[in-house]
Amino acid sequence: MTCCPAPTLTALPALGPAQLWLDWSQQTGARLARLPFDTARAQYAGAVRAGWMPRSMLAARDFERQLDTLERLTLGPWARQV
C-alpha cells in the first residue's frame, strides 16, 4: 500500500516593518477611496427602506450597475472586484 507523501512546510518570507507599513497604507487608502461608493449604497438602501425609492430588484440592479461602472472608472485597479 502506498501512502501520500507528507506535506512539506516552507517558511514564509519575513516582512520588514517598512513592507508591513506599505501594505497597511495601501489597504487603508483603497478602503478610503471606496468609502463614497459604500456610502451611496447605504443611502440607496436607506431610501428604499424609507419608501422614497421603489422596492424593486430591477431598480437595485440598475443602481448597482451604474455605481459599479462609476467606481471602476474612478478607482481603476483599486475598485472592488467580485
Protein backbone atom coordinates (compact mmCIF):
# COMPACT_ATOMS: atom_id res chain seq x y z
CA MET A 1 0.00 0.00 0.00
CA THR A 2 1.38 3.43 -0.91
CA CYS A 3 0.71 6.47 1.13
CA CYS A 4 0.63 10.08 0.11
CA PRO A 5 3.87 11.94 0.73
CA ALA A 6 3.92 14.11 3.79
CA PRO A 7 3.29 17.78 3.02
CA THR A 8 6.37 19.94 3.13
CA LEU A 9 6.36 23.09 5.20
CA THR A 10 8.07 26.11 3.79
CA ALA A 11 8.81 29.27 5.67
CA LEU A 12 7.05 32.40 4.53
CA PRO A 13 9.30 35.33 3.71
CA ALA A 14 9.65 37.68 6.63
CA LEU A 15 8.26 41.13 6.03
CA GLY A 16 10.04 44.07 7.50
CA PRO A 17 8.26 46.96 9.23
CA ALA A 18 8.51 49.12 6.10
CA GLN A 19 6.82 46.49 3.94
CA LEU A 20 4.08 45.94 6.52
CA TRP A 21 3.51 49.71 6.67
CA LEU A 22 3.22 49.94 2.87
CA ASP A 23 0.77 47.04 2.76
CA TRP A 24 -1.34 48.57 5.53
CA SER A 25 -1.30 52.06 3.99
CA GLN A 26 -2.29 50.74 0.55
CA GLN A 27 -5.19 48.78 2.03
CA THR A 28 -6.30 51.77 4.08
CA GLY A 29 -6.06 54.06 1.07
CA ALA A 30 -8.14 51.70 -1.04
CA ARG A 31 -10.77 51.49 1.72
CA LEU A 32 -10.93 55.26 1.99
CA ALA A 33 -11.21 55.61 -1.77
CA ARG A 34 -14.16 53.18 -1.80
CA LEU A 35 -15.94 54.96 1.05
CA PRO A 36 -18.07 57.29 -1.14
CA PHE A 37 -19.37 54.33 -3.12
CA ASP A 38 -20.19 52.36 0.02
CA THR A 39 -21.96 55.45 1.37
CA ALA A 40 -24.01 55.70 -1.83
CA ARG A 41 -25.02 52.04 -1.48
CA ALA A 42 -26.05 52.59 2.13
CA GLN A 43 -28.01 55.73 1.21
CA TYR A 44 -29.84 53.87 -1.55
CA ALA A 45 -30.74 51.04 0.85
CA GLY A 46 -31.98 53.57 3.40
CA ALA A 47 -34.09 55.33 0.77
CA VAL A 48 -35.67 52.02 -0.23
CA ARG A 49 -36.45 51.19 3.40
CA ALA A 50 -37.97 54.65 3.90
CA GLY A 51 -40.15 54.20 0.82
CA TRP A 52 -38.57 57.02 -1.20
CA MET A 53 -37.24 54.60 -3.85
CA PRO A 54 -39.12 51.64 -5.32
CA ARG A 55 -38.51 48.28 -3.67
CA SER A 56 -37.53 46.59 -6.90
CA MET A 57 -34.79 44.11 -7.67
CA LEU A 58 -34.52 45.54 -11.19
CA ALA A 59 -34.08 49.09 -9.90
CA ALA A 60 -31.48 47.88 -7.39
CA ARG A 61 -29.67 46.05 -10.18
CA ASP A 62 -29.62 49.15 -12.37
CA PHE A 63 -28.38 51.31 -9.50
CA GLU A 64 -25.63 48.82 -8.65
CA ARG A 65 -24.54 48.55 -12.29
CA GLN A 66 -24.27 52.32 -12.64
CA LEU A 67 -22.43 52.69 -9.35
CA ASP A 68 -20.10 49.79 -10.17
CA THR A 69 -19.25 51.34 -13.54
CA LEU A 70 -18.56 54.68 -11.92
CA GLU A 71 -16.43 53.01 -9.23
CA ARG A 72 -14.36 51.12 -11.81
CA LEU A 73 -13.87 54.24 -13.94
CA THR A 74 -12.88 56.33 -10.93
CA LEU A 75 -10.71 53.91 -8.95
CA GLY A 76 -9.32 51.70 -11.69
CA PRO A 77 -7.33 48.81 -10.19
CA TRP A 78 -8.39 49.73 -6.63
CA ALA A 79 -12.07 49.19 -7.43
CA ARG A 80 -13.89 46.34 -5.74
CA GLN A 81 -13.55 43.05 -7.64
CA VAL A 82 -16.34 40.49 -7.43
